């Protein structure tokens, strides 16, 4: 999974299909992400010292990472994420739709530099 926190994504299936939002949290073990404003549920909480009011809280639930695609920075449409090495040997993420860079993820390595 090549998502990062604060990536803007689009939900492609399910009840929130078409929703755009930022990734708040990533669970790599369960292959799930929490998207801001998507998959909202009501959680009923009992009164306690931590929550003296009690009642219902509105919160986001995790979505499978396969159900979201990153927003292409060049045209704002959904795109898959690819990885590539740059000529200096550094590794970056890119949008497969347009080839636009999504940021560097590894520093330059002499063994990966083009000759």
Protein backbone atom coordinates (compact mmCIF):
# COMPACT_ATOMS: atom_id res chain seq x y z
CA UNK A 1 0.00 0.00 0.00
CA UNK A 2 1.61 3.24 -1.14
CA UNK A 3 -0.72 5.72 0.55
CA UNK A 4 0.56 8.36 2.97
CA UNK A 5 -1.28 10.39 5.61
CA UNK A 6 -2.71 13.64 4.13
CA UNK A 7 -3.00 12.17 0.60
CA UNK A 8 -6.23 13.31 -1.08
CA UNK A 9 -8.23 10.27 -2.22
CA UNK A 10 -11.56 9.39 -3.84
CA UNK A 11 -13.74 6.53 -2.59
CA UNK A 12 -14.52 4.35 -5.64
CA UNK A 13 -17.05 1.84 -4.21
CA UNK A 14 -19.54 1.49 -1.39
CA UNK A 15 -22.03 3.83 0.23
CA UNK A 16 -19.64 6.81 0.03
CA UNK A 17 -18.74 6.31 -3.63
CA UNK A 18 -17.41 9.54 -5.13
CA UNK A 19 -16.47 11.11 -1.78
CA UNK A 20 -13.19 13.08 -1.74
CA UNK A 21 -11.19 13.50 1.43
CA UNK A 22 -7.79 13.32 3.06
CA UNK A 23 -6.39 10.20 4.69
CA UNK A 24 -6.39 10.65 8.47
CA UNK A 25 -4.99 7.27 9.55
CA UNK A 26 -3.54 4.16 7.88
CA UNK A 27 -3.67 0.59 9.25
CA UNK A 28 -1.13 -1.31 7.14
CA UNK A 29 -1.71 -4.65 8.93
CA UNK A 30 -5.45 -4.67 8.14
CA UNK A 31 -4.97 -2.88 4.76
CA UNK A 32 -7.42 -0.14 5.73
CA UNK A 33 -7.48 3.67 5.69
CA UNK A 34 -9.64 6.25 7.46
CA UNK A 35 -10.79 9.00 5.09
CA UNK A 36 -11.96 12.35 6.43
CA UNK A 37 -15.77 12.54 6.17
CA UNK A 38 -16.29 9.04 4.70
CA UNK A 39 -17.91 5.96 6.29
CA UNK A 40 -19.40 7.94 9.18
CA UNK A 41 -21.27 6.07 11.91
CA UNK A 42 -22.92 6.96 15.20
CA UNK A 43 -21.08 5.57 18.24
CA UNK A 44 -23.20 5.45 21.39
CA UNK A 45 -21.15 6.28 24.48
CA UNK A 46 -22.06 5.92 28.14
CA UNK A 47 -21.49 8.79 30.57
CA UNK A 48 -18.07 8.66 32.20
CA UNK A 49 -15.45 11.01 33.64
CA UNK A 50 -13.83 11.19 30.22
CA UNK A 51 -17.17 11.88 28.51
CA UNK A 52 -19.52 13.47 31.10
CA UNK A 53 -22.25 14.26 28.56
CA UNK A 54 -22.60 10.78 27.04
CA UNK A 55 -24.81 10.37 23.99
CA UNK A 56 -23.92 9.79 20.33
CA UNK A 57 -20.61 10.60 18.66
CA UNK A 58 -20.23 10.80 14.89
CA UNK A 59 -16.97 9.17 13.78
CA UNK A 60 -15.27 7.80 10.64
CA UNK A 61 -14.73 4.06 10.24
CA UNK A 62 -11.92 2.36 8.28
CA UNK A 63 -12.33 1.63 4.56
CA UNK A 64 -10.41 -1.03 2.66
CA UNK A 65 -7.45 0.52 0.84
CA UNK A 66 -8.58 -1.20 -2.36
CA UNK A 67 -11.72 0.97 -2.34
CA UNK A 68 -9.88 4.29 -2.62
CA UNK A 69 -7.73 5.86 -5.35
CA UNK A 70 -5.42 8.84 -5.07
CA UNK A 71 -6.42 12.12 -6.76
CA UNK A 72 -4.14 12.93 -9.71
CA UNK A 73 -2.58 16.36 -9.00
CA UNK A 74 -2.61 17.37 -12.68
CA UNK A 75 -6.32 16.87 -13.49
CA UNK A 76 -8.09 15.95 -10.22
CA UNK A 77 -9.27 12.53 -11.42
CA UNK A 78 -8.63 9.16 -9.73
CA UNK A 79 -5.31 7.47 -10.45
CA UNK A 80 -3.31 4.48 -9.31
CA UNK A 81 0.07 4.96 -7.64
CA UNK A 82 3.33 3.78 -9.16
CA UNK A 83 6.92 3.73 -7.92
CA UNK A 84 9.95 4.65 -10.00
CA UNK A 85 13.62 5.48 -9.62
CA UNK A 86 14.86 8.87 -10.77
CA UNK A 87 18.17 9.29 -12.65
CA UNK A 88 19.96 10.30 -9.42
CA UNK A 89 18.89 6.99 -7.77
CA UNK A 90 16.12 8.35 -5.51
CA UNK A 91 12.74 6.62 -5.38
CA UNK A 92 9.44 8.49 -5.85
CA UNK A 93 5.71 7.87 -6.02
CA UNK A 94 3.90 8.98 -9.17
CA UNK A 95 0.36 9.06 -10.55
CA UNK A 96 0.06 6.39 -13.26
CA UNK A 97 -2.65 8.39 -15.06
CA UNK A 98 -0.45 11.40 -15.90
CA UNK A 99 3.04 10.56 -14.67
CA UNK A 100 2.96 13.48 -12.20
CA UNK A 101 5.20 13.13 -9.15
CA UNK A 102 3.61 12.54 -5.74
CA UNK A 103 6.80 13.04 -3.76
CA UNK A 104 10.08 11.34 -3.01
CA UNK A 105 9.98 8.34 -0.66
CA UNK A 106 13.63 7.24 -0.49
CA UNK A 107 16.94 9.10 -0.70
CA UNK A 108 19.35 8.67 -3.60
CA UNK A 109 21.25 5.37 -3.85
CA UNK A 110 24.42 5.15 -5.89
CA UNK A 111 23.51 1.61 -7.03
CA UNK A 112 20.22 2.84 -8.56
CA UNK A 113 21.64 5.93 -10.28
CA UNK A 114 21.67 5.83 -14.06
CA UNK A 115 25.10 5.78 -15.63
